[in-house]
Amino acid sequence: PVDPPPGESPPEEPAPTISGSLRCGQSTWIYENRTDADAVVHLRLTSTCEAASQFQVRNRGGDVLGSPVTVPSDGQPRDFRVTVPPGGTIFFECVGLGESSGCRYEVRVR
């Protein structure tokens, strides 16, 4: 059997879940497809800010693919499934105000 190069896990291992949180008004990249194939990404996004949040899928050049997807700010987790092209990214914007509130994200790659 061929060992994977250092720093790469064997493909049969389930991808880890990337999770984190943002304060209202912050935005961040939550996923980058570093492979040379389309990646199917499962997102679970929650927002408790005063305005609805949104995420965008962008290609390698930074162009937004399709329309930004709205995440209602009622504190209920919302599940999304998106396809990210090679070199593409997912950009999550936690929109609005709220001192004690914010957004949470979980990213799983199939």
Protein backbone atom coordinates (compact mmCIF):
# COMPACT_ATOMS: atom_id res chain seq x y z
CA PRO A 1 0.00 0.00 0.00
CA VAL A 2 1.14 3.54 -0.77
CA ASP A 3 1.33 5.87 2.21
CA PRO A 4 -0.34 9.24 1.67
CA PRO A 5 2.04 12.20 1.52
CA PRO A 6 2.67 13.88 4.88
CA GLY A 7 -0.12 16.15 5.93
CA GLU A 8 -2.76 14.39 3.85
CA SER A 9 -5.17 11.92 5.31
CA PRO A 10 -6.23 8.79 3.43
CA PRO A 11 -9.39 9.39 1.37
CA GLU A 12 -11.41 6.72 3.20
CA GLU A 13 -11.32 8.66 6.46
CA PRO A 14 -14.42 10.78 7.09
CA ALA A 15 -13.70 14.45 6.76
CA PRO A 16 -13.61 16.29 10.06
CA THR A 17 -16.28 18.83 10.86
CA ILE A 18 -15.03 22.40 10.80
CA SER A 19 -16.98 24.46 13.30
CA GLY A 20 -16.76 27.86 14.82
CA SER A 21 -18.67 31.00 15.61
CA LEU A 22 -18.75 34.63 14.59
CA ARG A 23 -19.95 37.73 16.30
CA CYS A 24 -22.67 39.74 14.57
CA GLY A 25 -21.12 41.88 11.85
CA GLN A 26 -18.17 39.56 11.24
CA SER A 27 -17.56 37.51 8.14
CA THR A 28 -15.05 34.81 7.26
CA TRP A 29 -14.12 32.08 4.82
CA ILE A 30 -15.42 28.85 6.33
CA TYR A 31 -14.23 26.44 3.66
CA GLU A 32 -11.72 26.25 0.84
CA ASN A 33 -11.68 23.38 -1.65
CA ARG A 34 -8.01 22.48 -1.96
CA THR A 35 -8.64 19.44 -4.14
CA ASP A 36 -8.86 19.25 -7.92
CA ALA A 37 -12.42 17.93 -7.92
CA ASP A 38 -15.81 19.34 -6.99
CA ALA A 39 -16.49 19.04 -3.27
CA VAL A 40 -19.98 18.46 -1.84
CA VAL A 41 -20.11 20.45 1.37
CA HIS A 42 -22.76 20.18 4.08
CA LEU A 43 -23.30 23.34 6.07
CA ARG A 44 -25.22 23.79 9.29
CA LEU A 45 -25.57 27.50 9.96
CA THR A 46 -27.25 29.27 12.86
CA SER A 47 -27.74 33.00 13.35
CA THR A 48 -29.19 34.95 16.28
CA CYS A 49 -28.29 38.43 15.05
CA GLU A 50 -30.91 41.04 14.26
CA ALA A 51 -30.57 40.61 10.50
CA ALA A 52 -30.50 37.50 8.36
CA SER A 53 -27.01 36.24 7.58
CA GLN A 54 -25.87 34.81 4.29
CA PHE A 55 -23.24 32.68 2.67
CA GLN A 56 -21.79 32.66 -0.83
CA VAL A 57 -19.96 30.07 -2.87
CA ARG A 58 -17.13 31.60 -4.87
CA ASN A 59 -14.91 30.13 -7.53
CA ARG A 60 -11.12 30.22 -7.67
CA GLY A 61 -11.22 33.72 -9.14
CA GLY A 62 -13.48 35.04 -6.37
CA ASP A 63 -16.66 35.30 -8.44
CA VAL A 64 -19.88 34.48 -6.60
CA LEU A 65 -21.55 31.37 -8.02
CA GLY A 66 -25.32 31.59 -8.10
CA SER A 67 -26.96 33.86 -5.54
CA PRO A 68 -25.99 34.42 -1.92
CA VAL A 69 -28.02 32.11 0.33
CA THR A 70 -29.89 33.67 3.25
CA VAL A 71 -29.73 32.22 6.76
CA PRO A 72 -32.69 33.37 8.90
CA SER A 73 -31.70 34.81 12.27
CA ASP A 74 -34.15 32.91 14.46
CA GLY A 75 -31.55 30.75 16.17
CA GLN A 76 -32.69 27.57 14.41
CA PRO A 77 -29.93 25.57 12.71
CA ARG A 78 -30.34 25.51 8.94
CA ASP A 79 -28.81 22.77 6.82
CA PHE A 80 -27.50 23.44 3.32
CA ARG A 81 -25.71 21.32 0.77
CA VAL A 82 -23.55 23.08 -1.79
CA THR A 83 -21.03 22.04 -4.41
CA VAL A 84 -17.75 23.94 -4.36
CA PRO A 85 -15.53 23.81 -7.46
CA PRO A 86 -11.78 23.18 -7.23
CA GLY A 87 -10.10 26.17 -5.65
CA GLY A 88 -13.47 27.56 -4.62
CA THR A 89 -14.46 28.87 -1.21
CA ILE A 90 -17.50 29.41 0.99
CA PHE A 91 -17.78 32.88 2.52
CA PHE A 92 -20.10 33.31 5.52
CA GLU A 93 -21.35 36.74 6.53
CA CYS A 94 -22.85 37.07 10.00
CA VAL A 95 -24.93 40.17 9.33
CA GLY A 96 -26.50 42.51 11.85
CA LEU A 97 -26.05 43.65 15.42
CA GLY A 98 -26.45 42.05 18.79
CA GLU A 99 -23.98 42.01 21.65
CA SER A 100 -24.81 38.61 23.07
CA SER A 101 -25.72 36.96 19.81
CA GLY A 102 -23.86 35.78 16.78
CA CYS A 103 -23.60 32.99 14.23
CA ARG A 104 -22.38 29.43 14.42
CA TYR A 105 -21.23 27.29 11.57
CA GLU A 106 -20.45 23.62 11.01
CA VAL A 107 -18.91 22.48 7.75
CA ARG A 108 -18.71 18.82 6.70
CA VAL A 109 -17.27 17.64 3.42
CA ARG A 110 -18.45 14.42 1.86
